[in-house]
Amino acid sequence: MNQKYNGLEEIIGYFFKQKSLLKQAMTHSSYMNEKRWEKTRCNERLEFLGDAVLELVTSDFLYQEFSELPEGELTKKRAGLVCEPSLAYCAEEIHLGEYLLLGKGEEATGGRFRHSIVSDAMEALIGAIYLDGGFANAKEFIHRFILNDIEHKQLFFDSKTILQELVQSRFEEGLSYELLKEEGPDHNKWFEVRALVGNKEIGKGTGRTKKGAEQAAAYRGILTLKGSAGEEKTNEED
């Protein structure tokens, strides 16, 4: 069973001394219930610990990085970085869902892709690293996989709001989203959506939920509009 996690350790660049901690971090309560294990053998306790470590490291990072921001703005930034969709996005980048131990029912209903499950597992993994290798290793993991490229991540997660504001300031036509495709069984759906200003497509995106696909389309739309704004500025300068 331990060999199952070699790939994950390679991806994150951290190799556990206590492999049992990594296995526990990947054990969902549905699997524990199915095996009739003690409740403490699932990842919920590690998630509790990892959540606290993540909040501390993120708070310290933002305090140092944004010295001009007041407490309220720092709190909003932190909430955006450690929210469920953000952690699920980070978990997807390291293919965390592939390593989860899930009960048959949870497996059948798409648990490997469910934001609530993979984001909890991400926090449990942080807790496991903290217990196995100390605060410095947990901090390094958080900086590398959660606090990296935060400007891009914030733009992505606020994409629908940002795009709405851009469209309202630059166009008379309204912004809308059109579902192009919906494929796959209920537990593993896949959506494709495009963002439109009037009848003109400005971005296209895919996701495992319709909302996620709209978010991706909005992000592409922002890049399109910012790119065209840059071209207009260059032409004006010429």
C-alpha atoms as a PDB file:
ATOM      1  CA  MET A   1       0.000   0.000   0.000  1.00  0.00           C
ATOM      2  CA  ASN A   2       2.854   2.405   0.788  1.00  0.00           C
ATOM      3  CA  GLN A   3       4.124   2.145  -2.813  1.00  0.00           C
ATOM      4  CA  LYS A   4       0.798   3.659  -3.898  1.00  0.00           C
ATOM      5  CA  TYR A   5       1.974   7.007  -2.556  1.00  0.00           C
ATOM      6  CA  ASN A   6       5.464   7.094  -4.099  1.00  0.00           C
ATOM      7  CA  GLY A   7       4.155   9.129  -7.008  1.00  0.00           C
ATOM      8  CA  LEU A   8       2.616  11.731  -4.710  1.00  0.00           C
ATOM      9  CA  GLU A   9       5.832  12.045  -2.707  1.00  0.00           C
ATOM     10  CA  GLU A  10       7.745  12.573  -5.956  1.00  0.00           C
ATOM     11  CA  ILE A  11       5.341  15.318  -7.026  1.00  0.00           C
ATOM     12  CA  ILE A  12       5.453  17.249  -3.757  1.00  0.00           C
ATOM     13  CA  GLY A  13       9.162  16.661  -3.162  1.00  0.00           C
ATOM     14  CA  TYR A  14       8.641  15.459   0.384  1.00  0.00           C
ATOM     15  CA  PHE A  15       9.256  11.860   1.456  1.00  0.00           C
ATOM     16  CA  PHE A  16       7.600  10.712   4.651  1.00  0.00           C
ATOM     17  CA  LYS A  17       9.514   8.971   7.402  1.00  0.00           C
ATOM     18  CA  GLN A  18       6.178   7.810   8.848  1.00  0.00           C
ATOM     19  CA  LYS A  19       4.293   6.498   5.819  1.00  0.00           C
ATOM     20  CA  SER A  20       1.279   5.835   8.034  1.00  0.00           C
ATOM     21  CA  LEU A  21       0.737   9.591   8.356  1.00  0.00           C
ATOM     22  CA  LEU A  22       0.504   9.987   4.597  1.00  0.00           C
ATOM     23  CA  LYS A  23      -1.930   7.082   4.355  1.00  0.00           C
ATOM     24  CA  GLN A  24      -4.069   8.602   7.107  1.00  0.00           C
ATOM     25  CA  ALA A  25      -4.070  11.970   5.319  1.00  0.00           C
ATOM     26  CA  MET A  26      -5.450  10.247   2.216  1.00  0.00           C
ATOM     27  CA  THR A  27      -8.102   8.239   4.102  1.00  0.00           C
ATOM     28  CA  HIS A  28     -11.600   9.681   3.774  1.00  0.00           C
ATOM     29  CA  SER A  29     -14.201   8.960   6.455  1.00  0.00           C
ATOM     30  CA  SER A  30     -16.275   6.956   3.936  1.00  0.00           C
ATOM     31  CA  TYR A  31     -13.419   4.468   3.565  1.00  0.00           C
ATOM     32  CA  MET A  32     -12.963   4.325   7.343  1.00  0.00           C
ATOM     33  CA  ASN A  33     -16.672   3.613   7.824  1.00  0.00           C
ATOM     34  CA  GLU A  34     -16.644   0.927   5.165  1.00  0.00           C
ATOM     35  CA  LYS A  35     -13.678  -0.803   6.818  1.00  0.00           C
ATOM     36  CA  ARG A  36     -15.232  -0.270  10.270  1.00  0.00           C
ATOM     37  CA  TRP A  37     -12.040   1.322  11.524  1.00  0.00           C
ATOM     38  CA  GLU A  38     -11.800   3.617  14.542  1.00  0.00           C
ATOM     39  CA  LYS A  39     -12.851   7.181  13.702  1.00  0.00           C
ATOM     40  CA  THR A  40      -9.362   8.519  14.452  1.00  0.00           C
ATOM     41  CA  ARG A  41      -7.915   6.609  11.486  1.00  0.00           C
ATOM     42  CA  CYS A  42      -9.463   8.899   8.848  1.00  0.00           C
ATOM     43  CA  ASN A  43      -7.969  12.262   7.887  1.00  0.00           C
ATOM     44  CA  GLU A  44     -10.263  14.558   9.880  1.00  0.00           C
ATOM     45  CA  ARG A  45      -7.868  15.099  12.812  1.00  0.00           C
ATOM     46  CA  LEU A  46      -4.984  15.822  10.427  1.00  0.00           C
ATOM     47  CA  GLU A  47      -7.230  18.223   8.532  1.00  0.00           C
ATOM     48  CA  PHE A  48      -7.930  20.093  11.790  1.00  0.00           C
ATOM     49  CA  LEU A  49      -4.195  20.453  12.419  1.00  0.00           C
ATOM     50  CA  GLY A  50      -3.310  21.298   8.831  1.00  0.00           C
ATOM     51  CA  ASP A  51      -5.940  24.032   8.718  1.00  0.00           C
ATOM     52  CA  ALA A  52      -4.265  25.793  11.664  1.00  0.00           C
ATOM     53  CA  VAL A  53      -0.776  25.488  10.147  1.00  0.00           C
ATOM     54  CA  LEU A  54      -2.046  26.759   6.783  1.00  0.00           C
ATOM     55  CA  GLU A  55      -3.711  29.776   8.369  1.00  0.00           C
ATOM     56  CA  LEU A  56      -0.558  30.717  10.294  1.00  0.00           C
ATOM     57  CA  VAL A  57       1.781  30.353   7.306  1.00  0.00           C
ATOM     58  CA  THR A  58      -0.612  32.232   5.009  1.00  0.00           C
ATOM     59  CA  SER A  59      -1.093  35.036   7.545  1.00  0.00           C
ATOM     60  CA  ASP A  60       2.677  35.424   7.965  1.00  0.00           C
ATOM     61  CA  PHE A  61       3.205  35.431   4.188  1.00  0.00           C
ATOM     62  CA  LEU A  62       0.556  38.085   3.561  1.00  0.00           C
ATOM     63  CA  TYR A  63       1.760  40.226   6.486  1.00  0.00           C
ATOM     64  CA  GLN A  64       5.291  40.269   5.037  1.00  0.00           C
ATOM     65  CA  GLU A  65       4.293  40.508   1.370  1.00  0.00           C
ATOM     66  CA  PHE A  66       1.639  43.236   1.626  1.00  0.00           C
ATOM     67  CA  SER A  67       3.013  45.605   4.252  1.00  0.00           C
ATOM     68  CA  GLU A  68       0.762  48.455   3.085  1.00  0.00           C
ATOM     69  CA  LEU A  69      -2.547  46.597   3.480  1.00  0.00           C
ATOM     70  CA  PRO A  70      -4.771  47.000   6.579  1.00  0.00           C
ATOM     71  CA  GLU A  71      -6.039  44.046   8.588  1.00  0.00           C
ATOM     72  CA  GLY A  72      -9.392  43.868   6.803  1.00  0.00           C
ATOM     73  CA  GLU A  73      -7.796  43.548   3.343  1.00  0.00           C
ATOM     74  CA  LEU A  74      -5.318  40.966   4.606  1.00  0.00           C
ATOM     75  CA  THR A  75      -8.199  38.934   6.036  1.00  0.00           C
ATOM     76  CA  LYS A  76      -9.992  39.008   2.660  1.00  0.00           C
ATOM     77  CA  LYS A  77      -6.862  37.933   0.804  1.00  0.00           C
ATOM     78  CA  ARG A  78      -6.272  35.084   3.248  1.00  0.00           C
ATOM     79  CA  ALA A  79      -9.864  33.902   2.938  1.00  0.00           C
ATOM     80  CA  GLY A  80      -9.492  33.765  -0.838  1.00  0.00           C
ATOM     81  CA  LEU A  81      -6.272  31.772  -0.687  1.00  0.00           C
ATOM     82  CA  VAL A  82      -7.411  29.130   1.796  1.00  0.00           C
ATOM     83  CA  CYS A  83     -11.045  28.749   0.688  1.00  0.00           C
ATOM     84  CA  GLU A  84     -12.366  25.394  -0.505  1.00  0.00           C
ATOM     85  CA  PRO A  85     -12.254  26.107  -4.286  1.00  0.00           C
ATOM     86  CA  SER A  86      -8.715  27.487  -4.040  1.00  0.00           C
ATOM     87  CA  LEU A  87      -7.407  24.468  -2.115  1.00  0.00           C
ATOM     88  CA  ALA A  88      -9.206  22.133  -4.533  1.00  0.00           C
ATOM     89  CA  TYR A  89      -7.502  23.929  -7.425  1.00  0.00           C
ATOM     90  CA  CYS A  90      -4.110  23.459  -5.747  1.00  0.00           C
ATOM     91  CA  ALA A  91      -4.930  19.804  -5.011  1.00  0.00           C
ATOM     92  CA  GLU A  92      -5.752  19.234  -8.665  1.00  0.00           C
ATOM     93  CA  GLU A  93      -2.324  20.535  -9.661  1.00  0.00           C
ATOM     94  CA  ILE A  94      -0.659  17.731  -7.672  1.00  0.00           C
ATOM     95  CA  HIS A  95      -3.285  15.106  -8.699  1.00  0.00           C
ATOM     96  CA  LEU A  96      -4.224  14.576  -5.053  1.00  0.00           C
ATOM     97  CA  GLY A  97      -7.593  13.019  -5.866  1.00  0.00           C
ATOM     98  CA  GLU A  98      -5.872  10.025  -7.457  1.00  0.00           C
ATOM     99  CA  TYR A  99      -4.369   9.012  -4.100  1.00  0.00           C
ATOM    100  CA  LEU A 100      -7.479   9.188  -1.908  1.00  0.00           C
ATOM    101  CA  LEU A 101      -8.917   6.149  -0.153  1.00  0.00           C
ATOM    102  CA  LEU A 102     -12.681   6.429  -0.610  1.00  0.00           C
ATOM    103  CA  GLY A 103     -15.647   4.250   0.218  1.00  0.00           C
ATOM    104  CA  LYS A 104     -17.384   2.607  -2.747  1.00  0.00           C
ATOM    105  CA  GLY A 105     -20.355   4.944  -2.558  1.00  0.00           C
ATOM    106  CA  GLU A 106     -18.195   8.061  -2.473  1.00  0.00           C
ATOM    107  CA  GLU A 107     -16.086   6.688  -5.304  1.00  0.00           C
ATOM    108  CA  ALA A 108     -19.167   6.019  -7.439  1.00  0.00           C
ATOM    109  CA  THR A 109     -20.504   9.558  -6.998  1.00  0.00           C
ATOM    110  CA  GLY A 110     -17.295  11.339  -8.064  1.00  0.00           C
ATOM    111  CA  GLY A 111     -15.697  11.923  -4.672  1.00  0.00           C
ATOM    112  CA  ARG A 112     -12.208  12.151  -6.173  1.00  0.00           C
ATOM    113  CA  PHE A 113     -13.218  15.373  -7.889  1.00  0.00           C
ATOM    114  CA  ARG A 114     -15.419  16.859  -5.156  1.00  0.00           C
ATOM    115  CA  HIS A 115     -13.999  20.147  -3.907  1.00  0.00           C
ATOM    116  CA  SER A 116     -14.943  19.540  -0.293  1.00  0.00           C
ATOM    117  CA  ILE A 117     -13.121  16.185  -0.207  1.00  0.00           C
ATOM    118  CA  VAL A 118      -9.916  17.149  -2.000  1.00  0.00           C
ATOM    119  CA  SER A 119      -9.584  20.479  -0.174  1.00  0.00           C
ATOM    120  CA  ASP A 120      -9.918  18.672   3.170  1.00  0.00           C
ATOM    121  CA  ALA A 121      -7.298  16.155   2.018  1.00  0.00           C
ATOM    122  CA  MET A 122      -4.977  19.046   1.105  1.00  0.00           C
ATOM    123  CA  GLU A 123      -5.213  20.374   4.671  1.00  0.00           C
ATOM    124  CA  ALA A 124      -4.748  16.855   6.059  1.00  0.00           C
ATOM    125  CA  LEU A 125      -1.595  16.494   3.948  1.00  0.00           C
ATOM    126  CA  ILE A 126      -0.243  19.720   5.447  1.00  0.00           C
ATOM    127  CA  GLY A 127      -0.982  18.362   8.928  1.00  0.00           C
ATOM    128  CA  ALA A 128       0.786  15.092   8.096  1.00  0.00           C
ATOM    129  CA  ILE A 129       3.882  16.900   6.796  1.00  0.00           C
ATOM    130  CA  TYR A 130       3.926  19.071   9.908  1.00  0.00           C
ATOM    131  CA  LEU A 131       3.848  16.037  12.224  1.00  0.00           C
ATOM    132  CA  ASP A 132       6.351  14.060  10.163  1.00  0.00           C
ATOM    133  CA  GLY A 133       8.868  16.764   9.279  1.00  0.00           C
ATOM    134  CA  GLY A 134       8.134  19.812  11.397  1.00  0.00           C
ATOM    135  CA  PHE A 135       6.954  23.347  10.732  1.00  0.00           C
ATOM    136  CA  ALA A 136       9.684  24.252   8.213  1.00  0.00           C
ATOM    137  CA  ASN A 137       8.726  21.434   5.834  1.00  0.00           C
ATOM    138  CA  ALA A 138       5.028  22.219   6.133  1.00  0.00           C
ATOM    139  CA  LYS A 139       5.765  25.886   5.437  1.00  0.00           C
ATOM    140  CA  GLU A 140       7.843  24.985   2.375  1.00  0.00           C
ATOM    141  CA  PHE A 141       5.008  22.833   1.007  1.00  0.00           C
ATOM    142  CA  ILE A 142       2.446  25.619   1.534  1.00  0.00           C
ATOM    143  CA  HIS A 143       4.658  28.221  -0.145  1.00  0.00           C
ATOM    144  CA  ARG A 144       5.377  25.933  -3.079  1.00  0.00           C
ATOM    145  CA  PHE A 145       1.891  24.611  -3.788  1.00  0.00           C
ATOM    146  CA  ILE A 146      -0.608  27.064  -2.288  1.00  0.00           C
ATOM    147  CA  LEU A 147       1.003  30.507  -2.030  1.00  0.00           C
ATOM    148  CA  ASN A 148       2.710  30.302  -5.419  1.00  0.00           C
ATOM    149  CA  ASP A 149       1.478  32.605  -8.197  1.00  0.00           C
ATOM    150  CA  ILE A 150      -1.209  34.192  -6.018  1.00  0.00           C
ATOM    151  CA  GLU A 151      -1.938  37.034  -8.437  1.00  0.00           C
ATOM    152  CA  HIS A 152      -2.928  34.508 -11.102  1.00  0.00           C
ATOM    153  CA  LYS A 153      -5.005  32.511  -8.609  1.00  0.00           C
ATOM    154  CA  GLN A 154      -6.860  35.552  -7.296  1.00  0.00           C
ATOM    155  CA  LEU A 155      -7.562  36.687 -10.847  1.00  0.00           C
ATOM    156  CA  PHE A 156      -8.902  33.210 -11.635  1.00  0.00           C
ATOM    157  CA  PHE A 157     -11.117  32.906  -8.560  1.00  0.00           C
ATOM    158  CA  ASP A 158     -12.512  36.434  -8.906  1.00  0.00           C
ATOM    159  CA  SER A 159     -12.744  36.092 -12.689  1.00  0.00           C
ATOM    160  CA  LYS A 160     -16.520  36.337 -13.058  1.00  0.00           C
ATOM    161  CA  THR A 161     -16.721  39.502 -10.947  1.00  0.00           C
ATOM    162  CA  ILE A 162     -13.692  41.085 -12.627  1.00  0.00           C
ATOM    163  CA  LEU A 163     -14.976  40.276 -16.117  1.00  0.00           C
ATOM    164  CA  GLN A 164     -18.423  41.684 -15.291  1.00  0.00           C
ATOM    165  CA  GLU A 165     -16.813  44.971 -14.194  1.00  0.00           C
ATOM    166  CA  LEU A 166     -14.616  45.093 -17.312  1.00  0.00           C
ATOM    167  CA  VAL A 167     -17.549  44.506 -19.644  1.00  0.00           C
ATOM    168  CA  GLN A 168     -19.748  47.084 -17.902  1.00  0.00           C
ATOM    169  CA  SER A 169     -17.015  49.729 -18.174  1.00  0.00           C
ATOM    170  CA  ARG A 170     -16.179  49.071 -21.843  1.00  0.00           C
ATOM    171  CA  PHE A 171     -19.258  47.765 -23.647  1.00  0.00           C
ATOM    172  CA  GLU A 172     -22.918  48.562 -24.055  1.00  0.00           C
ATOM    173  CA  GLU A 173     -23.746  44.887 -24.615  1.00  0.00           C
ATOM    174  CA  GLY A 174     -24.165  42.584 -21.644  1.00  0.00           C
ATOM    175  CA  LEU A 175     -22.064  39.620 -20.517  1.00  0.00           C
ATOM    176  CA  SER A 176     -23.514  36.119 -20.710  1.00  0.00           C
ATOM    177  CA  TYR A 177     -22.385  32.490 -20.560  1.00  0.00           C
ATOM    178  CA  GLU A 178     -23.461  29.741 -22.957  1.00  0.00           C
ATOM    179  CA  LEU A 179     -23.161  26.007 -22.252  1.00  0.00           C
ATOM    180  CA  LEU A 180     -21.565  24.342 -25.292  1.00  0.00           C
ATOM    181  CA  LYS A 181     -21.105  20.760 -24.087  1.00  0.00           C
ATOM    182  CA  GLU A 182     -22.049  18.538 -21.164  1.00  0.00           C
ATOM    183  CA  GLU A 183     -20.533  15.071 -21.249  1.00  0.00           C
ATOM    184  CA  GLY A 184     -19.905  12.089 -19.000  1.00  0.00           C
ATOM    185  CA  PRO A 185     -21.857  10.162 -16.330  1.00  0.00           C
ATOM    186  CA  ASP A 186     -23.319  11.972 -13.320  1.00  0.00           C
ATOM    187  CA  HIS A 187     -20.339  11.171 -11.084  1.00  0.00           C
ATOM    188  CA  ASN A 188     -17.791  12.418 -13.641  1.00  0.00           C
ATOM    189  CA  LYS A 189     -19.369  15.266 -15.618  1.00  0.00           C
ATOM    190  CA  TRP A 190     -17.421  17.556 -17.919  1.00  0.00           C
ATOM    191  CA  PHE A 191     -18.694  20.955 -19.105  1.00  0.00           C
ATOM    192  CA  GLU A 192     -17.607  23.422 -21.766  1.00  0.00           C
ATOM    193  CA  VAL A 193     -18.850  27.011 -21.596  1.00  0.00           C
ATOM    194  CA  ARG A 194     -18.140  30.186 -23.518  1.00  0.00           C
ATOM    195  CA  ALA A 195     -18.322  33.795 -22.320  1.00  0.00           C
ATOM    196  CA  LEU A 196     -20.063  36.256 -24.632  1.00  0.00           C
ATOM    197  CA  VAL A 197     -20.251  40.034 -24.868  1.00  0.00           C
ATOM    198  CA  GLY A 198     -23.431  40.478 -26.838  1.00  0.00           C
ATOM    199  CA  ASN A 199     -23.043  37.792 -29.511  1.00  0.00           C
ATOM    200  CA  LYS A 200     -19.235  37.852 -29.586  1.00  0.00           C
ATOM    201  CA  GLU A 201     -17.269  35.068 -27.894  1.00  0.00           C
ATOM    202  CA  ILE A 202     -14.413  36.381 -25.750  1.00  0.00           C
ATOM    203  CA  GLY A 203     -13.417  33.247 -23.865  1.00  0.00           C
ATOM    204  CA  LYS A 204     -14.022  29.529 -23.586  1.00  0.00           C
ATOM    205  CA  GLY A 205     -13.449  27.227 -20.620  1.00  0.00           C
ATOM    206  CA  THR A 206     -13.979  23.708 -19.327  1.00  0.00           C
ATOM    207  CA  GLY A 207     -14.607  22.311 -15.871  1.00  0.00           C
ATOM    208  CA  ARG A 208     -16.094  19.456 -13.875  1.00  0.00           C
ATOM    209  CA  THR A 209     -18.964  21.744 -12.862  1.00  0.00           C
ATOM    210  CA  LYS A 210     -20.841  24.323 -14.900  1.00  0.00           C
ATOM    211  CA  LYS A 211     -19.726  27.010 -12.465  1.00  0.00           C
ATOM    212  CA  GLY A 212     -16.097  25.930 -12.814  1.00  0.00           C
ATOM    213  CA  ALA A 213     -16.347  26.042 -16.610  1.00  0.00           C
ATOM    214  CA  GLU A 214     -17.864  29.542 -16.436  1.00  0.00           C
ATOM    215  CA  GLN A 215     -15.020  30.615 -14.173  1.00  0.00           C
ATOM    216  CA  ALA A 216     -12.449  29.315 -16.661  1.00  0.00           C
ATOM    217  CA  ALA A 217     -14.267  31.012 -19.558  1.00  0.00           C
ATOM    218  CA  ALA A 218     -14.368  34.287 -17.633  1.00  0.00           C
ATOM    219  CA  TYR A 219     -10.644  34.058 -16.946  1.00  0.00           C
ATOM    220  CA  ARG A 220      -9.933  33.574 -20.665  1.00  0.00           C
ATOM    221  CA  GLY A 221     -12.281  36.488 -21.373  1.00  0.00           C
ATOM    222  CA  ILE A 222     -10.305  38.766 -19.031  1.00  0.00           C
ATOM    223  CA  LEU A 223      -7.062  37.862 -20.803  1.00  0.00           C
ATOM    224  CA  THR A 224      -8.710  38.532 -24.174  1.00  0.00           C
ATOM    225  CA  LEU A 225     -10.017  41.959 -23.139  1.00  0.00           C
ATOM    226  CA  LYS A 226      -6.781  42.965 -21.427  1.00  0.00           C
ATOM    227  CA  GLY A 227      -4.852  41.842 -24.502  1.00  0.00           C
ATOM    228  CA  SER A 228      -7.048  43.889 -26.832  1.00  0.00           C
ATOM    229  CA  ALA A 229      -6.717  46.883 -24.497  1.00  0.00           C
ATOM    230  CA  GLY A 230      -2.941  46.528 -24.704  1.00  0.00           C
ATOM    231  CA  GLU A 231      -3.089  46.444 -28.507  1.00  0.00           C
ATOM    232  CA  GLU A 232      -5.274  49.549 -28.580  1.00  0.00           C
ATOM    233  CA  LYS A 233      -2.791  51.371 -26.336  1.00  0.00           C
ATOM    234  CA  THR A 234       0.131  50.358 -28.569  1.00  0.00           C
ATOM    235  CA  ASN A 235      -1.728  51.548 -31.679  1.00  0.00           C
ATOM    236  CA  GLU A 236      -2.487  54.872 -30.002  1.00  0.00           C
ATOM    237  CA  GLU A 237       1.216  55.317 -29.153  1.00  0.00           C
ATOM    238  CA  ASP A 238       2.169  54.582 -32.779  1.00  0.00           C
END
